[in-house]
């Protein structure tokens, strides 16, 4: 007598497990694992194999999604990933948007942001830190150039990065000094002011030494 066959196999047998493909779920799991690994171990010590294990996927799947550890790091850093959306909008409010997003992100991270791991790793692995920072800067410049123009745009964009690194180091790595002690909203206000100055183009028509009295000051005597 033939066994009755069902769609799942012979009658009474356990249904065959259907393999579910969920690339977006895998990608998010990998990014979450990468953020944790980079924050805890730094860029140099965190490995693709370790990140894959944390995410519950294979080493090969991580590489298929991101291609390299550097690209995975850049995808895992919230600021780099969210920047194109952040910069879109009115140029006049860009400094406030940058400052507020940065402070809110860092306050939520409580010292575990991968960007802080990059800053910490600069002392122990300068080569890796330099390469990653260069890649982050290139990615940031591409996003900022969609709203900033002018011959000195790259200089102004780089100054924004320098300001954010300085605040991150003082407040979230060293955790010491007035910047580390002020409230988040006060920090946003100060940082907005600093970023507005950094993003404002220089008046190239005003050459150094053209202000009144500067010639006399350079020659070491007061104007008569």
N, C-alpha and C. Protein backbone atom coordinates (compact mmCIF):
# COMPACT_ATOMS: atom_id res chain seq x y z
N UNK A 1 0.86 -1.19 0.00
CA UNK A 1 0.00 0.00 0.00
C UNK A 1 0.89 1.24 0.00
N UNK A 2 0.64 2.13 -0.93
CA UNK A 2 1.46 3.32 -1.03
C UNK A 2 1.15 4.28 0.10
N UNK A 3 2.19 4.92 0.59
CA UNK A 3 1.99 5.94 1.62
C UNK A 3 1.36 7.16 0.97
N UNK A 4 0.45 7.79 1.74
CA UNK A 4 -0.18 9.02 1.23
C UNK A 4 0.85 10.14 1.25
N UNK A 5 0.93 10.84 0.14
CA UNK A 5 1.91 11.90 0.00
C UNK A 5 1.22 13.25 0.12
N UNK A 6 1.79 14.13 0.90
CA UNK A 6 1.25 15.49 1.02
C UNK A 6 2.28 16.45 0.44
N UNK A 7 1.91 17.72 0.43
CA UNK A 7 2.81 18.72 -0.12
C UNK A 7 4.09 18.82 0.69
N UNK A 8 4.02 18.42 1.96
CA UNK A 8 5.20 18.53 2.80
C UNK A 8 5.97 17.23 2.89
N UNK A 9 5.50 16.16 2.19
CA UNK A 9 6.22 14.89 2.22
C UNK A 9 5.29 13.77 2.62
N UNK A 10 5.83 12.62 2.97
CA UNK A 10 5.00 11.49 3.37
C UNK A 10 4.14 11.83 4.57
N UNK A 11 2.93 11.26 4.63
CA UNK A 11 2.00 11.51 5.73
C UNK A 11 2.67 11.15 7.04
N UNK A 12 2.58 12.03 8.00
CA UNK A 12 3.16 11.76 9.31
C UNK A 12 4.57 12.28 9.47
N UNK A 13 5.25 12.58 8.36
CA UNK A 13 6.61 13.11 8.46
C UNK A 13 6.56 14.59 8.80
N UNK A 14 7.62 15.07 9.47
CA UNK A 14 7.68 16.50 9.82
C UNK A 14 7.78 17.33 8.55
N UNK A 15 7.07 18.44 8.49
CA UNK A 15 7.15 19.28 7.29
C UNK A 15 8.58 19.76 7.05
N UNK A 16 8.94 19.77 5.79
CA UNK A 16 10.28 20.23 5.45
C UNK A 16 10.41 21.72 5.78
N UNK A 17 11.56 22.12 6.37
CA UNK A 17 11.78 23.52 6.73
C UNK A 17 12.06 24.33 5.47
N UNK A 18 11.29 25.35 5.30
CA UNK A 18 11.46 26.19 4.13
C UNK A 18 12.51 27.26 4.44
N UNK A 19 13.52 27.36 3.60
CA UNK A 19 14.56 28.36 3.80
C UNK A 19 14.02 29.73 3.43
N UNK A 20 14.13 30.64 4.39
CA UNK A 20 13.64 31.99 4.17
C UNK A 20 14.82 32.90 3.85
N UNK A 21 14.69 33.59 2.76
CA UNK A 21 15.74 34.54 2.38
C UNK A 21 15.29 35.94 2.83
N UNK A 22 16.09 36.55 3.68
CA UNK A 22 15.75 37.88 4.19
C UNK A 22 16.98 38.76 4.16
N UNK A 23 17.36 39.22 2.96
CA UNK A 23 18.60 39.98 2.85
C UNK A 23 18.62 41.23 3.71
N UNK A 24 17.50 41.95 3.80
CA UNK A 24 17.47 43.17 4.61
C UNK A 24 17.63 42.86 6.09
N UNK A 25 16.99 41.76 6.54
CA UNK A 25 17.14 41.36 7.95
C UNK A 25 18.58 40.98 8.24
N UNK A 26 19.21 40.26 7.31
CA UNK A 26 20.61 39.89 7.49
C UNK A 26 21.50 41.13 7.52
N UNK A 27 21.24 42.07 6.63
CA UNK A 27 22.04 43.29 6.57
C UNK A 27 21.96 44.07 7.87
N UNK A 28 20.76 44.22 8.40
CA UNK A 28 20.59 44.96 9.65
C UNK A 28 21.25 44.24 10.81
N UNK A 29 21.18 42.92 10.82
CA UNK A 29 21.83 42.15 11.88
C UNK A 29 23.34 42.31 11.82
N UNK A 30 23.88 42.31 10.61
CA UNK A 30 25.33 42.49 10.43
C UNK A 30 25.75 43.88 10.89
N UNK A 31 24.98 44.90 10.54
CA UNK A 31 25.32 46.26 10.93
C UNK A 31 25.26 46.43 12.45
N UNK A 32 24.25 45.84 13.08
CA UNK A 32 24.15 45.93 14.54
C UNK A 32 25.34 45.23 15.20
N UNK A 33 25.70 44.07 14.68
CA UNK A 33 26.85 43.34 15.22
C UNK A 33 28.15 44.10 15.00
N UNK A 34 28.27 44.74 13.83
CA UNK A 34 29.48 45.51 13.53
C UNK A 34 29.60 46.71 14.45
N UNK A 35 28.51 47.42 14.68
CA UNK A 35 28.56 48.58 15.57
C UNK A 35 29.03 48.16 16.96
N UNK A 36 28.50 47.05 17.45
CA UNK A 36 28.90 46.57 18.78
C UNK A 36 30.36 46.14 18.79
N UNK A 37 30.78 45.40 17.79
CA UNK A 37 32.16 44.90 17.75
C UNK A 37 33.17 46.03 17.62
N UNK A 38 32.91 46.97 16.73
CA UNK A 38 33.83 48.09 16.54
C UNK A 38 33.91 48.95 17.80
N UNK A 39 32.77 49.17 18.45
CA UNK A 39 32.76 50.00 19.65
C UNK A 39 33.51 49.33 20.79
N UNK A 40 33.36 48.01 20.92
CA UNK A 40 33.98 47.29 22.03
C UNK A 40 35.46 47.00 21.78
N UNK A 41 35.82 46.65 20.55
CA UNK A 41 37.16 46.15 20.28
C UNK A 41 38.01 47.08 19.41
N UNK A 42 37.39 48.12 18.86
CA UNK A 42 38.11 48.99 17.95
C UNK A 42 38.15 48.40 16.56
N UNK A 43 38.54 49.22 15.59
CA UNK A 43 38.53 48.76 14.21
C UNK A 43 39.54 47.65 13.96
N UNK A 44 40.76 47.82 14.46
CA UNK A 44 41.83 46.88 14.14
C UNK A 44 41.57 45.48 14.69
N UNK A 45 41.04 45.39 15.92
CA UNK A 45 40.87 44.08 16.56
C UNK A 45 39.57 43.38 16.18
N UNK A 46 38.56 44.13 15.80
CA UNK A 46 37.30 43.49 15.37
C UNK A 46 37.51 42.81 14.03
N UNK A 47 37.02 41.59 13.87
CA UNK A 47 37.20 40.84 12.64
C UNK A 47 35.85 40.56 11.97
N UNK A 48 35.91 40.34 10.68
CA UNK A 48 34.70 39.99 9.94
C UNK A 48 34.11 38.68 10.47
N UNK A 49 34.95 37.72 10.80
CA UNK A 49 34.46 36.44 11.32
C UNK A 49 33.73 36.63 12.64
N UNK A 50 34.28 37.48 13.51
CA UNK A 50 33.62 37.74 14.79
C UNK A 50 32.28 38.43 14.57
N UNK A 51 32.24 39.40 13.68
CA UNK A 51 31.00 40.12 13.40
C UNK A 51 29.96 39.17 12.81
N UNK A 52 30.39 38.29 11.92
CA UNK A 52 29.47 37.31 11.34
C UNK A 52 28.88 36.42 12.44
N UNK A 53 29.73 35.99 13.37
CA UNK A 53 29.24 35.15 14.47
C UNK A 53 28.22 35.87 15.33
N UNK A 54 28.47 37.13 15.62
CA UNK A 54 27.52 37.90 16.42
C UNK A 54 26.18 38.05 15.70
N UNK A 55 26.25 38.20 14.37
CA UNK A 55 25.03 38.40 13.59
C UNK A 55 24.31 37.10 13.25
N UNK A 56 24.97 35.96 13.49
CA UNK A 56 24.36 34.67 13.16
C UNK A 56 24.35 34.38 11.68
N UNK A 57 25.37 34.90 10.95
CA UNK A 57 25.46 34.64 9.52
C UNK A 57 26.87 34.15 9.20
N UNK A 58 27.12 33.84 7.96
CA UNK A 58 28.44 33.36 7.56
C UNK A 58 29.37 34.51 7.21
N UNK A 59 30.65 34.21 7.26
CA UNK A 59 31.67 35.18 6.85
C UNK A 59 31.43 35.63 5.41
N UNK A 60 31.10 34.67 4.55
CA UNK A 60 30.88 34.97 3.14
C UNK A 60 29.70 35.90 2.92
N UNK A 61 28.66 35.76 3.74
CA UNK A 61 27.48 36.62 3.58
C UNK A 61 27.83 38.06 3.93
N UNK A 62 28.63 38.24 4.96
CA UNK A 62 29.07 39.60 5.32
C UNK A 62 29.83 40.23 4.15
N UNK A 63 30.72 39.46 3.55
CA UNK A 63 31.51 39.98 2.43
C UNK A 63 30.64 40.25 1.21
N UNK A 64 29.61 39.43 0.99
CA UNK A 64 28.72 39.68 -0.15
C UNK A 64 27.94 40.98 0.03
N UNK A 65 27.57 41.29 1.27
CA UNK A 65 26.81 42.51 1.53
C UNK A 65 27.69 43.76 1.49
N UNK A 66 28.94 43.66 2.01
CA UNK A 66 29.73 44.88 2.21
C UNK A 66 31.08 44.89 1.51
N UNK A 67 31.61 43.75 1.15
CA UNK A 67 32.83 43.70 0.36
C UNK A 67 34.13 43.78 1.12
N UNK A 68 34.19 44.55 2.21
CA UNK A 68 35.42 44.68 2.97
C UNK A 68 35.08 45.19 4.38
N UNK A 69 36.05 45.07 5.28
CA UNK A 69 35.83 45.57 6.64
C UNK A 69 35.71 47.09 6.64
N UNK A 70 36.47 47.76 5.79
CA UNK A 70 36.40 49.23 5.72
C UNK A 70 35.02 49.68 5.31
N UNK A 71 34.47 49.07 4.26
CA UNK A 71 33.13 49.45 3.80
C UNK A 71 32.07 49.11 4.84
N UNK A 72 32.26 48.01 5.57
CA UNK A 72 31.32 47.66 6.64
C UNK A 72 31.37 48.70 7.74
N UNK A 73 32.57 49.16 8.10
CA UNK A 73 32.70 50.18 9.13
C UNK A 73 31.97 51.45 8.72
N UNK A 74 32.19 51.89 7.48
CA UNK A 74 31.55 53.12 7.01
C UNK A 74 30.03 52.99 7.01
N UNK A 75 29.53 51.80 6.67
CA UNK A 75 28.08 51.59 6.67
C UNK A 75 27.53 51.55 8.09
N UNK A 76 28.37 51.14 9.05
CA UNK A 76 27.91 50.99 10.43
C UNK A 76 27.92 52.30 11.20
N UNK A 77 28.71 53.28 10.76
CA UNK A 77 28.78 54.57 11.46
C UNK A 77 27.53 55.38 11.12
N UNK A 78 26.68 55.70 12.09
CA UNK A 78 25.41 56.37 11.78
C UNK A 78 25.59 57.68 11.03
N UNK A 79 26.56 58.50 11.41
CA UNK A 79 26.74 59.80 10.77
C UNK A 79 27.01 59.68 9.29
N UNK A 80 27.86 58.75 8.91
CA UNK A 80 28.19 58.56 7.50
C UNK A 80 26.98 58.06 6.72
N UNK A 81 26.25 57.14 7.31
CA UNK A 81 25.11 56.55 6.61
C UNK A 81 23.95 57.53 6.43
N UNK A 82 23.73 58.38 7.43
CA UNK A 82 22.56 59.26 7.43
C UNK A 82 22.84 60.64 6.85
N UNK A 83 24.08 60.92 6.49
CA UNK A 83 24.44 62.28 6.09
C UNK A 83 23.70 62.79 4.86
N UNK A 84 23.55 62.01 3.78
CA UNK A 84 22.84 62.55 2.61
C UNK A 84 21.44 63.06 2.95
N UNK A 85 20.74 62.36 3.81
CA UNK A 85 19.40 62.81 4.20
C UNK A 85 19.49 64.04 5.10
N UNK A 86 20.50 64.09 5.97
CA UNK A 86 20.65 65.20 6.91
C UNK A 86 20.93 66.52 6.20
N UNK A 87 21.78 66.50 5.18
CA UNK A 87 22.19 67.75 4.54
C UNK A 87 21.12 68.31 3.61
N UNK A 88 20.19 67.50 3.18
CA UNK A 88 19.15 68.00 2.29
C UNK A 88 18.22 68.93 3.07
N UNK A 89 17.96 70.08 2.51
CA UNK A 89 17.13 71.07 3.19
C UNK A 89 17.70 72.46 2.98
N UNK A 90 17.19 73.41 3.75
CA UNK A 90 17.63 74.79 3.61
C UNK A 90 19.07 74.96 4.07
N UNK A 91 19.96 75.52 3.24
CA UNK A 91 21.35 75.70 3.64
C UNK A 91 21.50 76.53 4.92
N UNK A 92 20.60 77.48 5.14
CA UNK A 92 20.71 78.35 6.30
C UNK A 92 20.58 77.62 7.62
N UNK A 93 19.86 76.50 7.64
CA UNK A 93 19.69 75.75 8.88
C UNK A 93 20.61 74.52 8.96
N UNK A 94 21.52 74.41 8.00
CA UNK A 94 22.41 73.24 7.98
C UNK A 94 23.27 73.15 9.25
N UNK A 95 23.88 74.24 9.74
CA UNK A 95 24.70 74.11 10.95
C UNK A 95 23.91 73.57 12.14
N UNK A 96 22.68 74.03 12.31
CA UNK A 96 21.85 73.54 13.42
C UNK A 96 21.52 72.07 13.24
N UNK A 97 21.20 71.65 12.01
CA UNK A 97 20.85 70.26 11.77
C UNK A 97 22.05 69.34 12.06
N UNK A 98 23.23 69.76 11.62
CA UNK A 98 24.43 68.95 11.87
C UNK A 98 24.70 68.84 13.37
N UNK A 99 24.68 69.99 14.05
CA UNK A 99 24.99 70.01 15.48
C UNK A 99 24.00 69.17 16.27
N UNK A 100 22.72 69.35 16.00
CA UNK A 100 21.70 68.64 16.76
C UNK A 100 21.77 67.13 16.51
N UNK A 101 21.92 66.72 15.26
CA UNK A 101 21.98 65.29 14.95
C UNK A 101 23.21 64.66 15.59
N UNK A 102 24.34 65.37 15.55
CA UNK A 102 25.57 64.83 16.12
C UNK A 102 25.46 64.66 17.64
N UNK A 103 24.99 65.70 18.32
CA UNK A 103 24.90 65.63 19.79
C UNK A 103 23.88 64.58 20.22
N UNK A 104 22.72 64.55 19.57
CA UNK A 104 21.70 63.56 19.94
C UNK A 104 22.21 62.14 19.72
N UNK A 105 22.90 61.93 18.62
CA UNK A 105 23.44 60.60 18.32
C UNK A 105 24.47 60.19 19.36
N UNK A 106 25.39 61.08 19.71
CA UNK A 106 26.44 60.75 20.66
C UNK A 106 25.88 60.56 22.06
N UNK A 107 24.89 61.36 22.44
CA UNK A 107 24.30 61.21 23.77
C UNK A 107 23.60 59.86 23.90
N UNK A 108 22.93 59.42 22.84
CA UNK A 108 22.27 58.11 22.87
C UNK A 108 23.28 56.98 22.91
N UNK A 109 24.40 57.16 22.21
CA UNK A 109 25.39 56.07 22.10
C UNK A 109 26.06 55.77 23.42
N UNK A 110 26.15 56.77 24.32
CA UNK A 110 26.78 56.58 25.62
C UNK A 110 28.19 55.99 25.49
N UNK A 111 28.97 56.53 24.59
CA UNK A 111 30.37 56.11 24.44
C UNK A 111 30.58 54.90 23.57
N UNK A 112 29.51 54.34 22.98
CA UNK A 112 29.67 53.10 22.21
C UNK A 112 29.55 53.31 20.70
N UNK A 113 29.65 54.55 20.24
CA UNK A 113 29.55 54.81 18.81
C UNK A 113 30.83 54.37 18.10
N UNK A 114 30.73 53.74 16.93
CA UNK A 114 31.95 53.32 16.21
C UNK A 114 32.88 54.48 15.87
N UNK A 115 32.32 55.69 15.72
CA UNK A 115 33.14 56.86 15.44
C UNK A 115 34.11 57.11 16.60
N UNK A 116 33.67 56.86 17.82
CA UNK A 116 34.55 57.02 18.97
C UNK A 116 35.62 55.93 18.98
N UNK A 117 35.27 54.75 18.51
CA UNK A 117 36.27 53.68 18.41
C UNK A 117 37.36 54.08 17.42
N UNK A 118 36.98 54.77 16.36
CA UNK A 118 37.95 55.23 15.39
C UNK A 118 38.90 56.26 16.02
N UNK A 119 38.35 57.18 16.79
CA UNK A 119 39.18 58.19 17.46
C UNK A 119 40.13 57.52 18.44
N UNK A 120 39.62 56.57 19.21
CA UNK A 120 40.47 55.89 20.19
C UNK A 120 41.58 55.09 19.51
N UNK A 121 41.29 54.54 18.35
CA UNK A 121 42.26 53.67 17.68
C UNK A 121 43.40 54.44 17.04
N UNK A 122 43.26 55.77 16.94
CA UNK A 122 44.29 56.57 16.27
C UNK A 122 45.65 56.42 16.96
N UNK A 123 45.64 56.26 18.29
CA UNK A 123 46.90 56.14 19.03
C UNK A 123 47.56 54.79 18.83
N UNK A 124 46.76 53.73 18.70
CA UNK A 124 47.32 52.38 18.62
C UNK A 124 47.49 51.88 17.19
N UNK A 125 46.69 52.39 16.26
CA UNK A 125 46.79 51.93 14.87
C UNK A 125 46.58 53.14 13.96
N UNK A 126 47.61 53.95 13.86
CA UNK A 126 47.50 55.21 13.12
C UNK A 126 47.16 54.98 11.64
N UNK A 127 47.74 53.93 11.06
CA UNK A 127 47.51 53.67 9.64
C UNK A 127 46.06 53.37 9.35
N UNK A 128 45.46 52.47 10.15
CA UNK A 128 44.05 52.12 9.94
C UNK A 128 43.14 53.31 10.20
N UNK A 129 43.44 54.07 11.26
CA UNK A 129 42.63 55.24 11.59
C UNK A 129 42.68 56.28 10.48
N UNK A 130 43.88 56.49 9.92
CA UNK A 130 44.03 57.48 8.85
C UNK A 130 43.26 57.05 7.61
N UNK A 131 43.36 55.77 7.25
CA UNK A 131 42.65 55.28 6.07
C UNK A 131 41.14 55.39 6.23
N UNK A 132 40.65 55.05 7.43
CA UNK A 132 39.21 55.12 7.66
C UNK A 132 38.73 56.56 7.70
N UNK A 133 39.50 57.43 8.34
CA UNK A 133 39.08 58.83 8.39
C UNK A 133 39.06 59.44 6.99
N UNK A 134 40.02 59.07 6.17
CA UNK A 134 40.05 59.57 4.79
C UNK A 134 38.82 59.11 4.03
N UNK A 135 38.46 57.84 4.21
CA UNK A 135 37.26 57.32 3.54
C UNK A 135 36.01 58.02 4.05
N UNK A 136 35.93 58.26 5.36
CA UNK A 136 34.78 58.97 5.92
C UNK A 136 34.71 60.40 5.40
N UNK A 137 35.87 61.05 5.30
CA UNK A 137 35.91 62.42 4.80
C UNK A 137 35.47 62.49 3.35
N UNK A 138 35.91 61.53 2.53
CA UNK A 138 35.50 61.52 1.13
C UNK A 138 33.99 61.33 1.00
N UNK A 139 33.44 60.43 1.83
CA UNK A 139 32.00 60.20 1.80
C UNK A 139 31.23 61.44 2.25
N UNK A 140 31.74 62.11 3.29
CA UNK A 140 31.09 63.32 3.79
C UNK A 140 31.13 64.43 2.76
N UNK A 141 32.28 64.59 2.09
CA UNK A 141 32.41 65.65 1.10
C UNK A 141 31.43 65.46 -0.05
N UNK A 142 31.24 64.21 -0.46
CA UNK A 142 30.29 63.94 -1.55
C UNK A 142 28.88 64.37 -1.16
N UNK A 143 28.51 64.15 0.11
CA UNK A 143 27.17 64.54 0.57
C UNK A 143 27.07 66.06 0.71
N UNK A 144 28.06 66.69 1.32
CA UNK A 144 28.01 68.14 1.55
C UNK A 144 28.06 68.93 0.25
N UNK A 145 28.77 68.40 -0.75
CA UNK A 145 28.87 69.14 -2.02
C UNK A 145 27.54 69.29 -2.73
N UNK A 146 26.55 68.52 -2.33
CA UNK A 146 25.22 68.67 -2.94
C UNK A 146 24.54 69.97 -2.49
N UNK A 147 25.03 70.56 -1.39
CA UNK A 147 24.41 71.80 -0.90
C UNK A 147 25.42 72.93 -0.74
N UNK A 148 26.72 72.64 -0.76
CA UNK A 148 27.74 73.67 -0.59
C UNK A 148 28.51 73.84 -1.88
N UNK A 149 28.73 75.07 -2.27
CA UNK A 149 29.47 75.35 -3.49
C UNK A 149 30.57 76.36 -3.20
N UNK A 150 31.39 76.60 -4.20
CA UNK A 150 32.46 77.58 -4.07
C UNK A 150 33.82 76.94 -4.10
N UNK A 151 34.85 77.71 -4.41
CA UNK A 151 36.20 77.15 -4.52
C UNK A 151 36.77 76.64 -3.20
N UNK A 152 36.24 77.16 -2.08
CA UNK A 152 36.75 76.72 -0.78
C UNK A 152 35.80 75.75 -0.08
N UNK A 153 34.89 75.13 -0.83
CA UNK A 153 33.89 74.24 -0.23
C UNK A 153 34.55 73.07 0.51
N UNK A 154 35.58 72.48 -0.09
CA UNK A 154 36.23 71.34 0.56
C UNK A 154 36.90 71.75 1.87
N UNK A 155 37.46 72.95 1.91
CA UNK A 155 38.08 73.43 3.15
C UNK A 155 37.03 73.60 4.24
N UNK A 156 35.89 74.17 3.87
CA UNK A 156 34.83 74.38 4.85
C UNK A 156 34.25 73.06 5.35
N UNK A 157 34.09 72.12 4.43
CA UNK A 157 33.57 70.80 4.82
C UNK A 157 34.53 70.11 5.77
N UNK A 158 35.82 70.21 5.48
CA UNK A 158 36.82 69.57 6.34
C UNK A 158 36.83 70.21 7.73
N UNK A 159 36.60 71.53 7.80
CA UNK A 159 36.54 72.20 9.08
C UNK A 159 35.38 71.69 9.94
N UNK A 160 34.28 71.33 9.29
CA UNK A 160 33.15 70.75 10.03
C UNK A 160 33.59 69.45 10.70
N UNK A 161 34.28 68.59 9.94
CA UNK A 161 34.76 67.33 10.51
C UNK A 161 35.70 67.55 11.66
N UNK A 162 36.59 68.53 11.54
CA UNK A 162 37.54 68.83 12.61
C UNK A 162 36.81 69.27 13.88
N UNK A 163 35.78 70.11 13.72
CA UNK A 163 35.00 70.56 14.87
C UNK A 163 34.34 69.38 15.57
N UNK A 164 33.75 68.48 14.80
CA UNK A 164 33.04 67.34 15.40
C UNK A 164 34.00 66.38 16.09
N UNK A 165 35.17 66.16 15.50
CA UNK A 165 36.16 65.30 16.12
C UNK A 165 36.62 65.89 17.45
N UNK A 166 36.85 67.20 17.46
CA UNK A 166 37.29 67.85 18.69
C UNK A 166 36.27 67.71 19.81
N UNK A 167 35.01 67.94 19.49
CA UNK A 167 33.96 67.79 20.50
C UNK A 167 33.85 66.34 20.96
N UNK A 168 33.90 65.42 20.01
CA UNK A 168 33.79 64.00 20.36
C UNK A 168 34.93 63.57 21.28
N UNK A 169 36.14 64.01 20.98
CA UNK A 169 37.30 63.63 21.79
C UNK A 169 37.18 64.20 23.21
N UNK A 170 36.84 65.49 23.31
CA UNK A 170 36.78 66.14 24.61
C UNK A 170 35.62 65.63 25.47
N UNK A 171 34.43 65.52 24.86
CA UNK A 171 33.23 65.21 25.64
C UNK A 171 32.99 63.70 25.82
N UNK A 172 33.29 62.92 24.78
CA UNK A 172 32.88 61.51 24.82
C UNK A 172 34.04 60.53 24.95
N UNK A 173 35.28 60.99 24.78
CA UNK A 173 36.44 60.12 25.00
C UNK A 173 37.14 60.50 26.30
N UNK A 174 37.62 61.75 26.39
CA UNK A 174 38.26 62.20 27.63
C UNK A 174 37.24 62.42 28.74
N UNK A 175 36.05 62.91 28.37
CA UNK A 175 34.98 63.18 29.35
C UNK A 175 35.45 64.13 30.45
N UNK A 176 36.15 65.18 30.05
CA UNK A 176 36.70 66.11 31.03
C UNK A 176 36.68 67.52 30.47
N UNK A 177 36.38 68.51 31.35
CA UNK A 177 36.40 69.90 30.93
C UNK A 177 35.01 70.48 30.74
N UNK A 178 34.93 71.80 30.52
CA UNK A 178 33.63 72.47 30.38
C UNK A 178 32.76 71.91 29.26
N UNK A 179 33.35 71.54 28.13
CA UNK A 179 32.55 71.00 27.03
C UNK A 179 31.92 69.67 27.44
N UNK A 180 32.63 68.88 28.21
CA UNK A 180 32.10 67.59 28.67
C UNK A 180 31.02 67.77 29.73
N UNK A 181 31.06 68.89 30.43
CA UNK A 181 30.16 69.09 31.56
C UNK A 181 28.87 69.82 31.20
N UNK A 182 28.85 70.55 30.09
CA UNK A 182 27.65 71.32 29.75
C UNK A 182 26.51 70.42 29.31
N UNK A 183 25.29 70.93 29.42
CA UNK A 183 24.12 70.16 29.01
C UNK A 183 24.06 70.01 27.50
N UNK A 184 23.38 68.96 27.00
CA UNK A 184 23.32 68.71 25.55
C UNK A 184 22.76 69.88 24.75
N UNK A 185 21.70 70.52 25.25
CA UNK A 185 21.09 71.61 24.48
C UNK A 185 22.04 72.81 24.39
N UNK A 186 22.77 73.09 25.45
CA UNK A 186 23.75 74.18 25.42
C UNK A 186 24.87 73.86 24.44
N UNK A 187 25.28 72.60 24.43
CA UNK A 187 26.32 72.17 23.48
C UNK A 187 25.84 72.35 22.05
N UNK A 188 24.60 72.00 21.77
CA UNK A 188 24.05 72.17 20.43
C UNK A 188 24.14 73.64 20.01
N UNK A 189 23.82 74.55 20.90
CA UNK A 189 23.84 75.98 20.57
C UNK A 189 25.26 76.45 20.26
N UNK A 190 26.22 76.06 21.10
CA UNK A 190 27.61 76.46 20.85
C UNK A 190 28.14 75.84 19.56
N UNK A 191 27.85 74.56 19.37
CA UNK A 191 28.35 73.87 18.20
C UNK A 191 27.73 74.43 16.93
N UNK A 192 26.46 74.80 16.98
CA UNK A 192 25.81 75.42 15.83
C UNK A 192 26.53 76.70 15.43
N UNK A 193 26.88 77.51 16.43
CA UNK A 193 27.58 78.76 16.16
C UNK A 193 28.94 78.48 15.51
N UNK A 194 29.68 77.51 16.05
CA UNK A 194 30.99 77.18 15.51
C UNK A 194 30.89 76.65 14.08
N UNK A 195 29.90 75.80 13.82
CA UNK A 195 29.74 75.24 12.49
C UNK A 195 29.29 76.29 11.48
N UNK A 196 28.49 77.24 11.93
CA UNK A 196 28.06 78.31 11.03
C UNK A 196 29.27 79.11 10.56
N UNK A 197 30.18 79.38 11.48
CA UNK A 197 31.41 80.11 11.10
C UNK A 197 32.26 79.27 10.15
N UNK A 198 32.35 77.98 10.42
CA UNK A 198 33.18 77.11 9.58
C UNK A 198 32.62 76.99 8.17
N UNK A 199 31.30 76.99 8.04
CA UNK A 199 30.67 76.80 6.74
C UNK A 199 30.54 78.08 5.92
N UNK A 200 30.76 79.22 6.55
CA UNK A 200 30.62 80.48 5.83
C UNK A 200 31.85 80.72 4.96
N UNK A 201 31.65 81.00 3.66
CA UNK A 201 32.80 81.22 2.77
C UNK A 201 33.62 82.42 3.20
N UNK A 202 34.93 82.36 2.97
CA UNK A 202 35.79 83.51 3.22
C UNK A 202 35.53 84.58 2.16
N UNK A 203 35.69 85.82 2.56
CA UNK A 203 35.62 86.93 1.61
C UNK A 203 37.01 87.07 1.00
N UNK A 204 37.19 86.49 -0.17
CA UNK A 204 38.52 86.47 -0.79
C UNK A 204 39.01 87.86 -1.16
N UNK A 205 38.09 88.84 -1.25
CA UNK A 205 38.51 90.20 -1.60
C UNK A 205 39.25 90.87 -0.45
N UNK A 206 39.01 90.37 0.76
CA UNK A 206 39.67 90.96 1.93
C UNK A 206 40.95 90.19 2.23
N UNK A 207 42.06 90.73 1.78
CA UNK A 207 43.34 90.07 1.99
C UNK A 207 43.87 90.38 3.38
N UNK A 208 44.66 89.50 3.96
CA UNK A 208 45.24 89.77 5.28
C UNK A 208 46.05 91.06 5.25
N UNK A 209 45.93 91.87 6.31
CA UNK A 209 46.70 93.10 6.41
C UNK A 209 46.00 94.30 5.84
N UNK A 210 44.71 94.13 5.35
CA UNK A 210 44.03 95.26 4.74
C UNK A 210 43.19 96.05 5.73
N UNK A 211 43.07 95.55 6.97
CA UNK A 211 42.27 96.26 7.95
C UNK A 211 43.03 97.48 8.44
N UNK A 212 42.28 98.48 8.91
CA UNK A 212 42.89 99.74 9.31
C UNK A 212 43.87 99.52 10.45
N UNK A 213 45.05 100.08 10.32
CA UNK A 213 46.05 99.99 11.37
C UNK A 213 46.90 98.76 11.31
N UNK A 214 46.59 97.81 10.39
CA UNK A 214 47.35 96.55 10.37
C UNK A 214 48.78 96.77 9.92
N UNK A 215 48.99 97.72 8.96
CA UNK A 215 50.36 97.95 8.49
C UNK A 215 51.24 98.46 9.62
N UNK A 216 50.66 99.38 10.41
CA UNK A 216 51.45 99.91 11.51
C UNK A 216 51.74 98.84 12.55
N UNK A 217 50.74 97.98 12.80
CA UNK A 217 50.94 96.92 13.79
C UNK A 217 52.04 95.97 13.34
N UNK A 218 52.04 95.65 12.04
CA UNK A 218 53.08 94.74 11.51
C UNK A 218 54.46 95.37 11.61
N UNK A 219 54.53 96.71 11.51
CA UNK A 219 55.84 97.34 11.57
C UNK A 219 56.27 97.64 13.00
N UNK A 220 55.36 97.31 13.95
CA UNK A 220 55.73 97.44 15.35
C UNK A 220 55.53 98.81 15.92
N UNK A 221 54.69 99.67 15.27
CA UNK A 221 54.41 100.99 15.85
C UNK A 221 52.92 101.29 15.74
N UNK A 222 52.44 102.13 16.58
CA UNK A 222 51.02 102.47 16.62
C UNK A 222 50.71 103.52 15.57
N UNK A 223 49.47 103.52 15.06
CA UNK A 223 49.10 104.55 14.09
C UNK A 223 49.07 105.92 14.75
N UNK A 224 49.52 106.97 14.05
CA UNK A 224 49.57 108.31 14.63
C UNK A 224 48.25 109.03 14.46
